Amino acid sequence: MDAELADRIAALEERVAALEERGPAAQPAGPGGLVGYRGELTDPVELSWAINVLPGPLLALDDGPRVEVLAALSSTARVALVRTLAEKGTQSAPALQEAAELGSPGQLYHHLKALTGAGIVEQDKRGSYRLRPAATIPVLVLLTAASDVAGQLRT
């Protein structure tokens, strides 16, 4: 066995021993189980996303960033913008203003500022807007979950 491989094995053994020493006390507090979601899109862009997390560590995360995302989606105009971008892909500012039925460019940019600040929407080099690819499926999951909580998905 070469020296590099022996060093790597020794380092792994040290890490395993350290984890074993911590034992059950190292488990995060909070509810047990697993929370997850996944999604696949083919149109207007092809995306696949999946995530599974333990509830305890999830609940221990800083609330600020997730509240910013939820706040950015807390307006019918912003949800209309997200819906338009999800359905049609990249759009110009005038097309978004029309789709969301906003009376002025100032109103549009107010809502886009919240969506871009939360990392939901991004502007491309041509000045058009799109859902940030890494945010697309998670945002659709948020809208799906909100529809479920509101009872819209049950027949």
Foldseek 3Di string as FASTA:
>chain_A
DDPVVVVVVVVVVVVVVVVVVCPPVPDADDDFDKDKDWDFDPPPHTDTDIDIDTVRVVVVDDCVLVVLQVVLVPDQLSVQLLVCQLHPNWDALVVSCVSSVPDDSVVSVVSVCSCVVSQQKDADPVRIIHGDRVCNVVVVVVVVVVCVVVVNVPD
